[in-house]
N, C-alpha and C. Protein backbone atom coordinates (compact mmCIF):
# COMPACT_ATOMS: atom_id res chain seq x y z
N MET A 1 96.06 102.29 70.58
CA MET A 1 96.41 102.70 71.92
C MET A 1 95.17 102.64 72.84
N ARG A 2 94.02 102.98 72.27
CA ARG A 2 92.79 102.96 73.07
C ARG A 2 92.42 101.55 73.51
N ILE A 3 92.62 100.58 72.63
CA ILE A 3 92.34 99.19 72.96
C ILE A 3 93.30 98.71 74.04
N LEU A 4 94.55 99.08 73.92
CA LEU A 4 95.54 98.69 74.93
C LEU A 4 95.18 99.26 76.29
N PHE A 5 94.75 100.50 76.33
CA PHE A 5 94.36 101.11 77.59
C PHE A 5 93.12 100.45 78.17
N SER A 6 92.19 100.06 77.32
CA SER A 6 90.97 99.41 77.83
C SER A 6 91.29 98.05 78.44
N PHE A 7 92.30 97.36 77.95
CA PHE A 7 92.71 96.10 78.56
C PHE A 7 93.55 96.34 79.82
N ALA A 8 94.31 97.43 79.84
CA ALA A 8 95.20 97.70 80.97
C ALA A 8 94.47 98.31 82.16
N LEU A 9 93.34 98.96 81.93
CA LEU A 9 92.64 99.64 83.01
C LEU A 9 92.22 98.69 84.14
N PRO A 10 91.62 97.54 83.87
CA PRO A 10 91.29 96.63 84.99
C PRO A 10 92.52 96.15 85.75
N LEU A 11 93.62 95.96 85.04
CA LEU A 11 94.85 95.54 85.69
C LEU A 11 95.36 96.63 86.63
N MET A 12 95.29 97.88 86.18
CA MET A 12 95.74 98.99 87.03
C MET A 12 94.84 99.16 88.25
N VAL A 13 93.55 99.02 88.07
CA VAL A 13 92.62 99.14 89.19
C VAL A 13 92.86 98.00 90.19
N GLY A 14 93.09 96.81 89.69
CA GLY A 14 93.39 95.69 90.55
C GLY A 14 94.67 95.91 91.36
N ASN A 15 95.67 96.50 90.73
CA ASN A 15 96.92 96.78 91.44
C ASN A 15 96.72 97.85 92.51
N VAL A 16 95.86 98.82 92.26
CA VAL A 16 95.57 99.84 93.28
C VAL A 16 94.91 99.19 94.49
N PHE A 17 93.94 98.30 94.25
CA PHE A 17 93.30 97.62 95.36
C PHE A 17 94.27 96.70 96.10
N GLN A 18 95.19 96.09 95.38
CA GLN A 18 96.21 95.26 96.03
C GLN A 18 97.10 96.11 96.92
N GLN A 19 97.45 97.30 96.48
CA GLN A 19 98.28 98.18 97.30
C GLN A 19 97.52 98.67 98.53
N LEU A 20 96.22 98.93 98.37
CA LEU A 20 95.41 99.30 99.53
C LEU A 20 95.35 98.17 100.55
N TYR A 21 95.21 96.95 100.07
CA TYR A 21 95.21 95.79 100.96
C TYR A 21 96.54 95.68 101.69
N THR A 22 97.63 95.90 100.98
CA THR A 22 98.96 95.84 101.59
C THR A 22 99.12 96.92 102.65
N MET A 23 98.61 98.10 102.39
CA MET A 23 98.71 99.18 103.36
C MET A 23 97.94 98.85 104.64
N VAL A 24 96.72 98.36 104.49
CA VAL A 24 95.91 98.00 105.66
C VAL A 24 96.56 96.82 106.40
N ASP A 25 97.05 95.86 105.67
CA ASP A 25 97.73 94.72 106.28
C ASP A 25 98.94 95.18 107.09
N SER A 26 99.71 96.09 106.56
CA SER A 26 100.87 96.61 107.27
C SER A 26 100.46 97.36 108.53
N MET A 27 99.39 98.12 108.47
CA MET A 27 98.93 98.84 109.66
C MET A 27 98.48 97.87 110.75
N VAL A 28 97.73 96.85 110.37
CA VAL A 28 97.23 95.89 111.36
C VAL A 28 98.39 95.10 111.95
N VAL A 29 99.28 94.60 111.11
CA VAL A 29 100.40 93.81 111.60
C VAL A 29 101.31 94.66 112.49
N GLY A 30 101.54 95.90 112.09
CA GLY A 30 102.40 96.77 112.89
C GLY A 30 101.83 97.06 114.27
N LYS A 31 100.52 97.24 114.35
CA LYS A 31 99.90 97.55 115.65
C LYS A 31 99.71 96.32 116.52
N VAL A 32 99.38 95.19 115.90
CA VAL A 32 99.05 94.00 116.68
C VAL A 32 100.28 93.13 116.97
N LEU A 33 101.08 92.86 115.96
CA LEU A 33 102.17 91.88 116.11
C LEU A 33 103.53 92.50 116.36
N GLY A 34 103.72 93.75 116.05
CA GLY A 34 104.98 94.41 116.38
C GLY A 34 105.90 94.64 115.20
N LEU A 35 107.07 95.14 115.54
CA LEU A 35 108.03 95.61 114.54
C LEU A 35 108.63 94.47 113.71
N ASN A 36 108.98 93.37 114.34
CA ASN A 36 109.58 92.26 113.59
C ASN A 36 108.61 91.68 112.56
N ALA A 37 107.35 91.54 112.93
CA ALA A 37 106.36 91.02 111.99
C ALA A 37 106.12 92.01 110.86
N LEU A 38 106.14 93.30 111.18
CA LEU A 38 105.98 94.32 110.14
C LEU A 38 107.15 94.29 109.17
N ALA A 39 108.34 94.07 109.67
CA ALA A 39 109.52 93.95 108.80
C ALA A 39 109.39 92.74 107.88
N ALA A 40 108.85 91.65 108.40
CA ALA A 40 108.67 90.45 107.57
C ALA A 40 107.64 90.68 106.48
N VAL A 41 106.56 91.37 106.81
CA VAL A 41 105.54 91.68 105.80
C VAL A 41 106.12 92.60 104.73
N GLY A 42 106.83 93.63 105.17
CA GLY A 42 107.43 94.57 104.21
C GLY A 42 108.48 93.92 103.34
N ASN A 43 109.17 92.93 103.88
CA ASN A 43 110.20 92.24 103.12
C ASN A 43 109.60 91.43 101.97
N GLY A 44 108.41 90.93 102.13
CA GLY A 44 107.78 90.13 101.08
C GLY A 44 106.96 90.93 100.09
N GLU A 45 106.61 92.16 100.43
CA GLU A 45 105.71 92.94 99.58
C GLU A 45 106.35 93.43 98.29
N TRP A 46 107.65 93.67 98.30
CA TRP A 46 108.30 94.17 97.08
C TRP A 46 108.21 93.13 95.97
N LEU A 47 108.20 91.84 96.36
CA LEU A 47 108.12 90.78 95.35
C LEU A 47 106.77 90.82 94.63
N LYS A 48 105.68 91.07 95.38
CA LYS A 48 104.36 91.18 94.74
C LYS A 48 104.32 92.36 93.77
N LEU A 49 104.95 93.46 94.14
CA LEU A 49 104.97 94.64 93.27
C LEU A 49 105.72 94.34 91.98
N VAL A 50 106.88 93.72 92.09
CA VAL A 50 107.67 93.40 90.90
C VAL A 50 106.93 92.41 90.01
N LEU A 51 106.32 91.40 90.61
CA LEU A 51 105.59 90.41 89.81
C LEU A 51 104.38 91.02 89.13
N SER A 52 103.69 91.94 89.78
CA SER A 52 102.54 92.58 89.13
C SER A 52 102.99 93.48 87.99
N MET A 53 104.14 94.11 88.12
CA MET A 53 104.67 94.92 87.01
C MET A 53 105.03 94.03 85.83
N ILE A 54 105.68 92.91 86.10
CA ILE A 54 106.04 91.98 85.02
C ILE A 54 104.78 91.44 84.35
N GLN A 55 103.77 91.11 85.14
CA GLN A 55 102.51 90.62 84.58
C GLN A 55 101.86 91.68 83.69
N GLY A 56 101.89 92.92 84.13
CA GLY A 56 101.33 94.00 83.32
C GLY A 56 102.05 94.19 82.01
N PHE A 57 103.38 94.16 82.05
CA PHE A 57 104.14 94.27 80.80
C PHE A 57 103.86 93.10 79.87
N ALA A 58 103.79 91.90 80.42
CA ALA A 58 103.53 90.72 79.60
C ALA A 58 102.15 90.79 78.95
N GLN A 59 101.14 91.22 79.70
CA GLN A 59 99.81 91.36 79.11
C GLN A 59 99.78 92.44 78.06
N GLY A 60 100.47 93.53 78.33
CA GLY A 60 100.50 94.62 77.34
C GLY A 60 101.18 94.20 76.06
N PHE A 61 102.29 93.49 76.16
CA PHE A 61 103.00 93.04 74.96
C PHE A 61 102.19 91.99 74.21
N SER A 62 101.51 91.10 74.94
CA SER A 62 100.72 90.09 74.25
C SER A 62 99.54 90.71 73.51
N ILE A 63 98.94 91.73 74.08
CA ILE A 63 97.84 92.42 73.39
C ILE A 63 98.37 93.14 72.16
N ARG A 64 99.52 93.77 72.32
CA ARG A 64 100.12 94.50 71.20
C ARG A 64 100.50 93.54 70.06
N LEU A 65 101.03 92.39 70.40
CA LEU A 65 101.41 91.42 69.39
C LEU A 65 100.20 90.79 68.72
N ALA A 66 99.11 90.64 69.45
CA ALA A 66 97.92 90.00 68.89
C ALA A 66 97.18 90.92 67.92
N SER A 67 97.33 92.25 68.09
CA SER A 67 96.56 93.14 67.21
C SER A 67 97.33 93.52 65.97
């Protein structure tokens, strides 16, 4: 379990920074470009979240299978 966590920690930290980037991007787009552009950004962000979760599960399973 400790080895799995040591491999997962960089992935989790990367996802936190990605979410921070998304938050700042949403604030800038909302203030500068308006509501329609903010809706477009928000519409695409859920896909990045789902894909990062799938990537995390895949990496976790591959590490588990390799050990």
